[in-house]
Amino acid sequence: MIFLLLFIARSKLVPDFAITIHVINLVITSFYTGVVPRQLFWWSLQVASAGLMTILGIWACRWRELKPIQFGGKGKTRAAPDASSSAAGVYEMVGMEPKDEAV
């Protein structure tokens, strides 16, 4: 699962990577033993592993994608709200004077 988080940038690529890893495992196991595995336990373990790898990999990649981007500094400090402004009606351009529009 850590490989998924390190190598894959997008969460939509996780299922393809997880299935590919398990197909490579099937090919290597088949070449090593000389036969395709026939045990139900082996196949159920592979399906459970691929499913768990996919679900947790998608979750981990989305978690990483949705983390706020830090541009240096501490990142945890927030500016204190201005005591002179109320919570309702606080705008960025309050200090600007209105422009007279000539019709």
PDB file of N, CA and C in Angstrom:
ATOM      1  N   MET A   1       0.811  -1.182   0.000  1.00  0.00           N
ATOM      2  CA  MET A   1       0.000   0.000   0.000  1.00  0.00           C
ATOM      3  C   MET A   1       0.862   1.255   0.000  1.00  0.00           C
ATOM      4  N   ILE A   2       2.004   1.208   0.650  1.00  0.00           N
ATOM      5  CA  ILE A   2       2.898   2.364   0.664  1.00  0.00           C
ATOM      6  C   ILE A   2       3.418   2.620  -0.742  1.00  0.00           C
ATOM      7  N   PHE A   3       3.629   1.546  -1.522  1.00  0.00           N
ATOM      8  CA  PHE A   3       4.072   1.722  -2.904  1.00  0.00           C
ATOM      9  C   PHE A   3       3.027   2.484  -3.705  1.00  0.00           C
ATOM     10  N   LEU A   4       1.756   2.203  -3.438  1.00  0.00           N
ATOM     11  CA  LEU A   4       0.698   2.931  -4.140  1.00  0.00           C
ATOM     12  C   LEU A   4       0.785   4.423  -3.857  1.00  0.00           C
ATOM     13  N   LEU A   5       0.974   4.758  -2.615  1.00  0.00           N
ATOM     14  CA  LEU A   5       1.033   6.163  -2.231  1.00  0.00           C
ATOM     15  C   LEU A   5       2.283   6.842  -2.780  1.00  0.00           C
ATOM     16  N   LEU A   6       3.391   6.112  -2.875  1.00  0.00           N
ATOM     17  CA  LEU A   6       4.632   6.706  -3.362  1.00  0.00           C
ATOM     18  C   LEU A   6       4.694   6.808  -4.880  1.00  0.00           C
ATOM     19  N   PHE A   7       4.192   5.805  -5.592  1.00  0.00           N
ATOM     20  CA  PHE A   7       4.361   5.750  -7.037  1.00  0.00           C
ATOM     21  C   PHE A   7       3.193   6.310  -7.827  1.00  0.00           C
ATOM     22  N   ILE A   8       2.037   6.378  -7.240  1.00  0.00           N
ATOM     23  CA  ILE A   8       0.854   6.783  -7.995  1.00  0.00           C
ATOM     24  C   ILE A   8       0.434   8.170  -7.547  1.00  0.00           C
ATOM     25  N   ALA A   9       0.258   9.051  -8.515  1.00  0.00           N
ATOM     26  CA  ALA A   9      -0.100  10.425  -8.198  1.00  0.00           C
ATOM     27  C   ALA A   9      -1.613  10.624  -8.137  1.00  0.00           C
ATOM     28  N   ARG A  10      -2.368   9.860  -8.885  1.00  0.00           N
ATOM     29  CA  ARG A  10      -3.810  10.051  -8.960  1.00  0.00           C
ATOM     30  C   ARG A  10      -4.528   8.818  -8.432  1.00  0.00           C
ATOM     31  N   SER A  11      -5.617   9.047  -7.722  1.00  0.00           N
ATOM     32  CA  SER A  11      -6.346   7.936  -7.115  1.00  0.00           C
ATOM     33  C   SER A  11      -7.063   7.074  -8.144  1.00  0.00           C
ATOM     34  N   LYS A  12      -7.355   7.628  -9.309  1.00  0.00           N
ATOM     35  CA  LYS A  12      -8.050   6.819 -10.314  1.00  0.00           C
ATOM     36  C   LYS A  12      -7.131   5.790 -10.979  1.00  0.00           C
ATOM     37  N   LEU A  13      -5.825   5.882 -10.769  1.00  0.00           N
ATOM     38  CA  LEU A  13      -4.886   4.907 -11.314  1.00  0.00           C
ATOM     39  C   LEU A  13      -4.621   3.736 -10.370  1.00  0.00           C
ATOM     40  N   VAL A  14      -5.127   3.825  -9.150  1.00  0.00           N
ATOM     41  CA  VAL A  14      -4.866   2.796  -8.142  1.00  0.00           C
ATOM     42  C   VAL A  14      -5.413   1.421  -8.541  1.00  0.00           C
ATOM     43  N   PRO A  15      -6.672   1.301  -8.999  1.00  0.00           N
ATOM     44  CA  PRO A  15      -7.163  -0.052  -9.351  1.00  0.00           C
ATOM     45  C   PRO A  15      -6.305  -0.734 -10.418  1.00  0.00           C
ATOM     46  N   ASP A  16      -5.873   0.015 -11.434  1.00  0.00           N
ATOM     47  CA  ASP A  16      -5.037  -0.568 -12.477  1.00  0.00           C
ATOM     48  C   ASP A  16      -3.728  -1.080 -11.909  1.00  0.00           C
ATOM     49  N   PHE A  17      -3.096  -0.311 -11.040  1.00  0.00           N
ATOM     50  CA  PHE A  17      -1.834  -0.722 -10.436  1.00  0.00           C
ATOM     51  C   PHE A  17      -2.028  -1.947  -9.545  1.00  0.00           C
ATOM     52  N   ALA A  18      -3.100  -1.958  -8.742  1.00  0.00           N
ATOM     53  CA  ALA A  18      -3.352  -3.078  -7.834  1.00  0.00           C
ATOM     54  C   ALA A  18      -3.614  -4.373  -8.607  1.00  0.00           C
ATOM     55  N   ILE A  19      -4.415  -4.293  -9.664  1.00  0.00           N
ATOM     56  CA  ILE A  19      -4.699  -5.489 -10.472  1.00  0.00           C
ATOM     57  C   ILE A  19      -3.432  -5.959 -11.197  1.00  0.00           C
ATOM     58  N   THR A  20      -2.641  -5.016 -11.693  1.00  0.00           N
ATOM     59  CA  THR A  20      -1.403  -5.376 -12.392  1.00  0.00           C
ATOM     60  C   THR A  20      -0.444  -6.111 -11.469  1.00  0.00           C
ATOM     61  N   ILE A  21      -0.315  -5.654 -10.244  1.00  0.00           N
ATOM     62  CA  ILE A  21       0.556  -6.326  -9.271  1.00  0.00           C
ATOM     63  C   ILE A  21       0.094  -7.760  -9.040  1.00  0.00           C
ATOM     64  N   HIS A  22      -1.207  -7.975  -8.939  1.00  0.00           N
ATOM     65  CA  HIS A  22      -1.718  -9.327  -8.685  1.00  0.00           C
ATOM     66  C   HIS A  22      -1.628 -10.227  -9.918  1.00  0.00           C
ATOM     67  N   VAL A  23      -1.737  -9.644 -11.112  1.00  0.00           N
ATOM     68  CA  VAL A  23      -1.539 -10.447 -12.335  1.00  0.00           C
ATOM     69  C   VAL A  23      -0.069 -10.860 -12.456  1.00  0.00           C
ATOM     70  N   ILE A  24       0.838  -9.953 -12.137  1.00  0.00           N
ATOM     71  CA  ILE A  24       2.264 -10.310 -12.145  1.00  0.00           C
ATOM     72  C   ILE A  24       2.538 -11.413 -11.124  1.00  0.00           C
ATOM     73  N   ASN A  25       1.896 -11.329  -9.966  1.00  0.00           N
ATOM     74  CA  ASN A  25       2.037 -12.380  -8.957  1.00  0.00           C
ATOM     75  C   ASN A  25       1.525 -13.719  -9.488  1.00  0.00           C
ATOM     76  N   LEU A  26       0.411 -13.703 -10.195  1.00  0.00           N
ATOM     77  CA  LEU A  26      -0.139 -14.938 -10.788  1.00  0.00           C
ATOM     78  C   LEU A  26       0.824 -15.523 -11.813  1.00  0.00           C
ATOM     79  N   VAL A  27       1.398 -14.687 -12.662  1.00  0.00           N
ATOM     80  CA  VAL A  27       2.325 -15.174 -13.697  1.00  0.00           C
ATOM     81  C   VAL A  27       3.582 -15.766 -13.056  1.00  0.00           C
ATOM     82  N   ILE A  28       4.149 -15.065 -12.087  1.00  0.00           N
ATOM     83  CA  ILE A  28       5.360 -15.571 -11.431  1.00  0.00           C
ATOM     84  C   ILE A  28       5.069 -16.870 -10.685  1.00  0.00           C
ATOM     85  N   THR A  29       3.940 -16.933  -9.993  1.00  0.00           N
ATOM     86  CA  THR A  29       3.576 -18.157  -9.269  1.00  0.00           C
ATOM     87  C   THR A  29       3.359 -19.320 -10.232  1.00  0.00           C
ATOM     88  N   SER A  30       2.718 -19.039 -11.365  1.00  0.00           N
ATOM     89  CA  SER A  30       2.462 -20.097 -12.351  1.00  0.00           C
ATOM     90  C   SER A  30       3.760 -20.611 -12.962  1.00  0.00           C
ATOM     91  N   PHE A  31       4.683 -19.707 -13.278  1.00  0.00           N
ATOM     92  CA  PHE A  31       5.967 -20.155 -13.828  1.00  0.00           C
ATOM     93  C   PHE A  31       6.786 -20.918 -12.801  1.00  0.00           C
ATOM     94  N   TYR A  32       6.738 -20.484 -11.556  1.00  0.00           N
ATOM     95  CA  TYR A  32       7.530 -21.139 -10.514  1.00  0.00           C
ATOM     96  C   TYR A  32       7.017 -22.549 -10.207  1.00  0.00           C
ATOM     97  N   THR A  33       5.694 -22.700 -10.096  1.00  0.00           N
ATOM     98  CA  THR A  33       5.129 -24.013  -9.757  1.00  0.00           C
ATOM     99  C   THR A  33       4.869 -24.874 -10.985  1.00  0.00           C
ATOM    100  N   GLY A  34       4.754 -24.258 -12.157  1.00  0.00           N
ATOM    101  CA  GLY A  34       4.494 -25.015 -13.370  1.00  0.00           C
ATOM    102  C   GLY A  34       3.016 -25.200 -13.661  1.00  0.00           C
ATOM    103  N   VAL A  35       2.135 -24.797 -12.778  1.00  0.00           N
ATOM    104  CA  VAL A  35       0.684 -24.892 -13.000  1.00  0.00           C
ATOM    105  C   VAL A  35       0.017 -23.619 -12.473  1.00  0.00           C
ATOM    106  N   VAL A  36      -1.168 -23.351 -13.006  1.00  0.00           N
ATOM    107  CA  VAL A  36      -1.970 -22.234 -12.498  1.00  0.00           C
ATOM    108  C   VAL A  36      -2.583 -22.676 -11.168  1.00  0.00           C
ATOM    109  N   PRO A  37      -2.528 -21.836 -10.150  1.00  0.00           N
ATOM    110  CA  PRO A  37      -3.088 -22.229  -8.849  1.00  0.00           C
ATOM    111  C   PRO A  37      -4.574 -22.609  -8.969  1.00  0.00           C
ATOM    112  N   ARG A  38      -4.948 -23.704  -8.291  1.00  0.00           N
ATOM    113  CA  ARG A  38      -6.326 -24.188  -8.348  1.00  0.00           C
ATOM    114  C   ARG A  38      -7.017 -24.143  -7.003  1.00  0.00           C
ATOM    115  N   GLN A  39      -6.338 -23.734  -5.971  1.00  0.00           N
ATOM    116  CA  GLN A  39      -6.939 -23.712  -4.641  1.00  0.00           C
ATOM    117  C   GLN A  39      -7.853 -22.486  -4.511  1.00  0.00           C
ATOM    118  N   LEU A  40      -9.031 -22.736  -3.973  1.00  0.00           N
ATOM    119  CA  LEU A  40      -9.983 -21.656  -3.752  1.00  0.00           C
ATOM    120  C   LEU A  40      -9.441 -20.658  -2.745  1.00  0.00           C
ATOM    121  N   PHE A  41      -8.688 -21.126  -1.753  1.00  0.00           N
ATOM    122  CA  PHE A  41      -8.108 -20.231  -0.749  1.00  0.00           C
ATOM    123  C   PHE A  41      -7.142 -19.246  -1.389  1.00  0.00           C
ATOM    124  N   TRP A  42      -6.308 -19.707  -2.326  1.00  0.00           N
ATOM    125  CA  TRP A  42      -5.356 -18.831  -2.992  1.00  0.00           C
ATOM    126  C   TRP A  42      -6.071 -17.743  -3.774  1.00  0.00           C
ATOM    127  N   TRP A  43      -7.095 -18.124  -4.542  1.00  0.00           N
ATOM    128  CA  TRP A  43      -7.840 -17.155  -5.344  1.00  0.00           C
ATOM    129  C   TRP A  43      -8.613 -16.180  -4.468  1.00  0.00           C
ATOM    130  N   SER A  44      -9.215 -16.676  -3.394  1.00  0.00           N
ATOM    131  CA  SER A  44      -9.957 -15.774  -2.508  1.00  0.00           C
ATOM    132  C   SER A  44      -8.999 -14.812  -1.796  1.00  0.00           C
ATOM    133  N   LEU A  45      -7.816 -15.288  -1.465  1.00  0.00           N
ATOM    134  CA  LEU A  45      -6.820 -14.422  -0.848  1.00  0.00           C
ATOM    135  C   LEU A  45      -6.357 -13.339  -1.827  1.00  0.00           C
ATOM    136  N   GLN A  46      -6.197 -13.684  -3.085  1.00  0.00           N
ATOM    137  CA  GLN A  46      -5.794 -12.705  -4.095  1.00  0.00           C
ATOM    138  C   GLN A  46      -6.892 -11.663  -4.333  1.00  0.00           C
ATOM    139  N   VAL A  47      -8.137 -12.102  -4.388  1.00  0.00           N
ATOM    140  CA  VAL A  47      -9.256 -11.169  -4.575  1.00  0.00           C
ATOM    141  C   VAL A  47      -9.381 -10.236  -3.371  1.00  0.00           C
ATOM    142  N   ALA A  48      -9.263 -10.795  -2.157  1.00  0.00           N
ATOM    143  CA  ALA A  48      -9.336  -9.961  -0.952  1.00  0.00           C
ATOM    144  C   ALA A  48      -8.170  -8.978  -0.904  1.00  0.00           C
ATOM    145  N   SER A  49      -6.985  -9.431  -1.270  1.00  0.00           N
ATOM    146  CA  SER A  49      -5.816  -8.558  -1.271  1.00  0.00           C
ATOM    147  C   SER A  49      -5.958  -7.439  -2.288  1.00  0.00           C
ATOM    148  N   ALA A  50      -6.416  -7.765  -3.489  1.00  0.00           N
ATOM    149  CA  ALA A  50      -6.597  -6.743  -4.522  1.00  0.00           C
ATOM    150  C   ALA A  50      -7.673  -5.737  -4.113  1.00  0.00           C
ATOM    151  N   GLY A  51      -8.755  -6.229  -3.518  1.00  0.00           N
ATOM    152  CA  GLY A  51      -9.820  -5.333  -3.066  1.00  0.00           C
ATOM    153  C   GLY A  51      -9.360  -4.405  -1.960  1.00  0.00           C
ATOM    154  N   LEU A  52      -8.680  -4.957  -0.974  1.00  0.00           N
ATOM    155  CA  LEU A  52      -8.176  -4.148   0.136  1.00  0.00           C
ATOM    156  C   LEU A  52      -7.113  -3.155  -0.339  1.00  0.00           C
ATOM    157  N   MET A  53      -6.250  -3.610  -1.231  1.00  0.00           N
ATOM    158  CA  MET A  53      -5.214  -2.734  -1.772  1.00  0.00           C
ATOM    159  C   MET A  53      -5.838  -1.582  -2.564  1.00  0.00           C
ATOM    160  N   THR A  54      -6.899  -1.872  -3.313  1.00  0.00           N
ATOM    161  CA  THR A  54      -7.564  -0.844  -4.094  1.00  0.00           C
ATOM    162  C   THR A  54      -8.270   0.164  -3.198  1.00  0.00           C
ATOM    163  N   ILE A  55      -9.040  -0.322  -2.232  1.00  0.00           N
ATOM    164  CA  ILE A  55      -9.809   0.574  -1.361  1.00  0.00           C
ATOM    165  C   ILE A  55      -8.883   1.455  -0.529  1.00  0.00           C
ATOM    166  N   LEU A  56      -7.895   0.852   0.114  1.00  0.00           N
ATOM    167  CA  LEU A  56      -6.981   1.637   0.943  1.00  0.00           C
ATOM    168  C   LEU A  56      -6.074   2.541   0.105  1.00  0.00           C
ATOM    169  N   GLY A  57      -5.702   2.091  -1.078  1.00  0.00           N
ATOM    170  CA  GLY A  57      -4.870   2.922  -1.954  1.00  0.00           C
ATOM    171  C   GLY A  57      -5.617   4.144  -2.459  1.00  0.00           C
ATOM    172  N   ILE A  58      -6.881   3.961  -2.840  1.00  0.00           N
ATOM    173  CA  ILE A  58      -7.691   5.106  -3.275  1.00  0.00           C
ATOM    174  C   ILE A  58      -7.873   6.079  -2.121  1.00  0.00           C
ATOM    175  N   TRP A  59      -8.150   5.552  -0.930  1.00  0.00           N
ATOM    176  CA  TRP A  59      -8.333   6.430   0.231  1.00  0.00           C
ATOM    177  C   TRP A  59      -7.050   7.219   0.525  1.00  0.00           C
ATOM    178  N   ALA A  60      -5.904   6.531   0.509  1.00  0.00           N
ATOM    179  CA  ALA A  60      -4.640   7.196   0.827  1.00  0.00           C
ATOM    180  C   ALA A  60      -4.283   8.253  -0.216  1.00  0.00           C
ATOM    181  N   CYS A  61      -4.495   7.951  -1.490  1.00  0.00           N
ATOM    182  CA  CYS A  61      -4.180   8.924  -2.538  1.00  0.00           C
ATOM    183  C   CYS A  61      -5.111  10.126  -2.469  1.00  0.00           C
ATOM    184  N   ARG A  62      -6.388   9.889  -2.215  1.00  0.00           N
ATOM    185  CA  ARG A  62      -7.320  11.017  -2.086  1.00  0.00           C
ATOM    186  C   ARG A  62      -6.992  11.846  -0.856  1.00  0.00           C
ATOM    187  N   TRP A  63      -6.597  11.196   0.231  1.00  0.00           N
ATOM    188  CA  TRP A  63      -6.211  11.925   1.441  1.00  0.00           C
ATOM    189  C   TRP A  63      -5.025  12.836   1.140  1.00  0.00           C
ATOM    190  N   ARG A  64      -4.046  12.309   0.409  1.00  0.00           N
ATOM    191  CA  ARG A  64      -2.872  13.101   0.065  1.00  0.00           C
ATOM    192  C   ARG A  64      -3.228  14.218  -0.918  1.00  0.00           C
ATOM    193  N   GLU A  65      -4.134  13.935  -1.875  1.00  0.00           N
ATOM    194  CA  GLU A  65      -4.532  14.952  -2.839  1.00  0.00           C
ATOM    195  C   GLU A  65      -5.283  16.097  -2.178  1.00  0.00           C
ATOM    196  N   LEU A  66      -6.030  15.820  -1.137  1.00  0.00           N
ATOM    197  CA  LEU A  66      -6.872  16.836  -0.516  1.00  0.00           C
ATOM    198  C   LEU A  66      -6.200  17.574   0.633  1.00  0.00           C
ATOM    199  N   LYS A  67      -4.974  17.205   0.978  1.00  0.00           N
ATOM    200  CA  LYS A  67      -4.265  17.930   2.028  1.00  0.00           C
ATOM    201  C   LYS A  67      -3.953  19.333   1.541  1.00  0.00           C
ATOM    202  N   PRO A  68      -4.025  20.325   2.436  1.00  0.00           N
ATOM    203  CA  PRO A  68      -3.671  21.681   2.014  1.00  0.00           C
ATOM    204  C   PRO A  68      -2.195  21.770   1.644  1.00  0.00           C
ATOM    205  N   ILE A  69      -1.914  22.594   0.672  1.00  0.00           N
ATOM    206  CA  ILE A  69      -0.543  22.765   0.208  1.00  0.00           C
ATOM    207  C   ILE A  69       0.160  23.754   1.123  1.00  0.00           C
ATOM    208  N   GLN A  70       1.340  23.388   1.598  1.00  0.00           N
ATOM    209  CA  GLN A  70       2.130  24.264   2.453  1.00  0.00           C
ATOM    210  C   GLN A  70       3.205  24.929   1.599  1.00  0.00           C
ATOM    211  N   PHE A  71       3.281  26.237   1.671  1.00  0.00           N
ATOM    212  CA  PHE A  71       4.284  26.981   0.915  1.00  0.00           C
ATOM    213  C   PHE A  71       5.383  27.505   1.817  1.00  0.00           C
ATOM    214  N   GLY A  72       5.773  26.738   2.799  1.00  0.00           N
ATOM    215  CA  GLY A  72       6.810  27.156   3.713  1.00  0.00           C
ATOM    216  C   GLY A  72       6.208  27.748   4.975  1.00  0.00           C
ATOM    217  N   GLY A  73       7.033  28.038   5.914  1.00  0.00           N
ATOM    218  CA  GLY A  73       6.544  28.576   7.173  1.00  0.00           C
ATOM    219  C   GLY A  73       5.920  27.482   8.019  1.00  0.00           C
ATOM    220  N   LYS A  74       5.284  27.883   9.072  1.00  0.00           N
ATOM    221  CA  LYS A  74       4.682  26.920   9.991  1.00  0.00           C
ATOM    222  C   LYS A  74       3.390  26.339   9.438  1.00  0.00           C
ATOM    223  N   GLY A  75       2.569  27.184   8.825  1.00  0.00           N
ATOM    224  CA  GLY A  75       1.339  26.687   8.223  1.00  0.00           C
ATOM    225  C   GLY A  75       0.203  26.489   9.197  1.00  0.00           C
ATOM    226  N   LYS A  76       0.466  26.498  10.487  1.00  0.00           N
ATOM    227  CA  LYS A  76      -0.580  26.255  11.480  1.00  0.00           C
ATOM    228  C   LYS A  76      -1.117  27.555  12.081  1.00  0.00           C
ATOM    229  N   THR A  77      -0.356  28.660  11.966  1.00  0.00           N
ATOM    230  CA  THR A  77      -0.807  29.905  12.560  1.00  0.00           C
ATOM    231  C   THR A  77      -1.802  30.589  11.646  1.00  0.00           C
ATOM    232  N   ARG A  78      -2.818  31.159  12.233  1.00  0.00           N
ATOM    233  CA  ARG A  78      -3.825  31.876  11.474  1.00  0.00           C
ATOM    234  C   ARG A  78      -3.839  33.320  11.941  1.00  0.00           C
ATOM    235  N   ALA A  79      -4.188  34.194  11.048  1.00  0.00           N
ATOM    236  CA  ALA A  79      -4.268  35.599  11.399  1.00  0.00           C
ATOM    237  C   ALA A  79      -5.472  35.820  12.303  1.00  0.00           C
ATOM    238  N   ALA A  80      -5.287  36.637  13.315  1.00  0.00           N
ATOM    239  CA  ALA A  80      -6.386  36.938  14.229  1.00  0.00           C
ATOM    240  C   ALA A  80      -7.395  37.827  13.522  1.00  0.00           C
ATOM    241  N   PRO A  81      -8.696  37.607  13.748  1.00  0.00           N
ATOM    242  CA  PRO A  81      -9.690  38.454  13.092  1.00  0.00           C
ATOM    243  C   PRO A  81      -9.596  39.888  13.594  1.00  0.00           C
ATOM    244  N   ASP A  82      -9.907  40.809  12.715  1.00  0.00           N
ATOM    245  CA  ASP A  82      -9.856  42.226  13.058  1.00  0.00           C
ATOM    246  C   ASP A  82     -10.947  42.539  14.069  1.00  0.00           C
ATOM    247  N   ALA A  83     -10.579  43.183  15.163  1.00  0.00           N
ATOM    248  CA  ALA A  83     -11.539  43.454  16.239  1.00  0.00           C
ATOM    249  C   ALA A  83     -12.553  44.506  15.836  1.00  0.00           C
ATOM    250  N   SER A  84     -12.230  45.360  14.866  1.00  0.00           N
ATOM    251  CA  SER A  84     -13.146  46.430  14.496  1.00  0.00           C
ATOM    252  C   SER A  84     -14.249  45.966  13.556  1.00  0.00           C
ATOM    253  N   SER A  85     -14.109  44.821  12.962  1.00  0.00           N
ATOM    254  CA  SER A  85     -15.131  44.347  12.023  1.00  0.00           C
ATOM    255  C   SER A  85     -15.957  43.255  12.672  1.00  0.00           C
ATOM    256  N   SER A  86     -17.211  43.219  12.309  1.00  0.00           N
ATOM    257  CA  SER A  86     -18.080  42.154  12.810  1.00  0.00           C
ATOM    258  C   SER A  86     -18.011  40.982  11.847  1.00  0.00           C
ATOM    259  N   ALA A  87     -18.524  39.852  12.274  1.00  0.00           N
ATOM    260  CA  ALA A  87     -18.474  38.652  11.441  1.00  0.00           C
ATOM    261  C   ALA A  87     -19.353  38.804  10.211  1.00  0.00           C
ATOM    262  N   ALA A  88     -20.480  39.491  10.340  1.00  0.00           N
ATOM    263  CA  ALA A  88     -21.374  39.690   9.204  1.00  0.00           C
ATOM    264  C   ALA A  88     -20.932  40.928   8.439  1.00  0.00           C
ATOM    265  N   GLY A  89     -20.797  40.805   7.138  1.00  0.00           N
ATOM    266  CA  GLY A  89     -20.468  41.950   6.308  1.00  0.00           C
ATOM    267  C   GLY A  89     -18.999  42.273   6.238  1.00  0.00           C
ATOM    268  N   VAL A  90     -18.120  41.329   6.504  1.00  0.00           N
ATOM    269  CA  VAL A  90     -16.683  41.577   6.385  1.00  0.00           C
ATOM    270  C   VAL A  90     -16.290  41.299   4.938  1.00  0.00           C
ATOM    271  N   TYR A  91     -15.746  42.315   4.289  1.00  0.00           N
ATOM    272  CA  TYR A  91     -15.360  42.188   2.894  1.00  0.00           C
ATOM    273  C   TYR A  91     -13.910  42.614   2.749  1.00  0.00           C
ATOM    274  N   GLU A  92     -13.274  42.164   1.690  1.00  0.00           N
ATOM    275  CA  GLU A  92     -11.881  42.510   1.465  1.00  0.00           C
ATOM    276  C   GLU A  92     -11.708  43.995   1.167  1.00  0.00           C
ATOM    277  N   MET A  93     -12.636  44.604   0.468  1.00  0.00           N
ATOM    278  CA  MET A  93     -12.464  45.971  -0.006  1.00  0.00           C
ATOM    279  C   MET A  93     -13.290  46.967   0.798  1.00  0.00           C
ATOM    280  N   VAL A  94     -13.435  46.751   2.080  1.00  0.00           N
ATOM    281  CA  VAL A  94     -14.226  47.650   2.913  1.00  0.00           C
ATOM    282  C   VAL A  94     -13.604  49.036   2.951  1.00  0.00           C
ATOM    283  N   GLY A  95     -12.299  49.139   2.957  1.00  0.00           N
ATOM    284  CA  GLY A  95     -11.628  50.427   3.089  1.00  0.00           C
ATOM    285  C   GLY A  95     -11.675  51.282   1.831  1.00  0.00           C
ATOM    286  N   MET A  96     -12.108  50.762   0.717  1.00  0.00           N
ATOM    287  CA  MET A  96     -12.146  51.523  -0.523  1.00  0.00           C
ATOM    288  C   MET A  96     -13.384  52.403  -0.578  1.00  0.00           C
ATOM    289  N   GLU A  97     -13.216  53.556  -1.153  1.00  0.00           N
ATOM    290  CA  GLU A  97     -14.351  54.451  -1.307  1.00  0.00           C
ATOM    291  C   GLU A  97     -15.125  54.050  -2.560  1.00  0.00           C
ATOM    292  N   PRO A  98     -16.452  54.179  -2.497  1.00  0.00           N
ATOM    293  CA  PRO A  98     -17.252  53.807  -3.675  1.00  0.00           C
ATOM    294  C   PRO A  98     -16.964  54.717  -4.860  1.00  0.00           C
ATOM    295  N   LYS A  99     -16.996  54.159  -6.009  1.00  0.00           N
ATOM    296  CA  LYS A  99     -16.734  54.888  -7.239  1.00  0.00           C
ATOM    297  C   LYS A  99     -18.032  55.506  -7.729  1.00  0.00           C
ATOM    298  N   ASP A 100     -18.021  56.796  -8.031  1.00  0.00           N
ATOM    299  CA  ASP A 100     -19.209  57.449  -8.574  1.00  0.00           C
ATOM    300  C   ASP A 100     -19.321  57.111 -10.033  1.00  0.00           C
ATOM    301  N   GLU A 101     -20.463  56.586 -10.402  1.00  0.00           N
ATOM    302  CA  GLU A 101     -20.678  56.226 -11.802  1.00  0.00           C
ATOM    303  C   GLU A 101     -21.526  57.296 -12.457  1.00  0.00           C
ATOM    304  N   ALA A 102     -21.012  57.871 -13.478  1.00  0.00           N
ATOM    305  CA  ALA A 102     -21.766  58.880 -14.224  1.00  0.00           C
ATOM    306  C   ALA A 102     -22.576  58.180 -15.297  1.00  0.00           C
ATOM    307  N   VAL A 103     -23.857  58.488 -15.302  1.00  0.00           N
ATOM    308  CA  VAL A 103     -24.732  57.866 -16.297  1.00  0.00           C
ATOM    309  C   VAL A 103     -25.010  58.804 -17.413  1.00  0.00           C
TER     310      VAL A 103
END
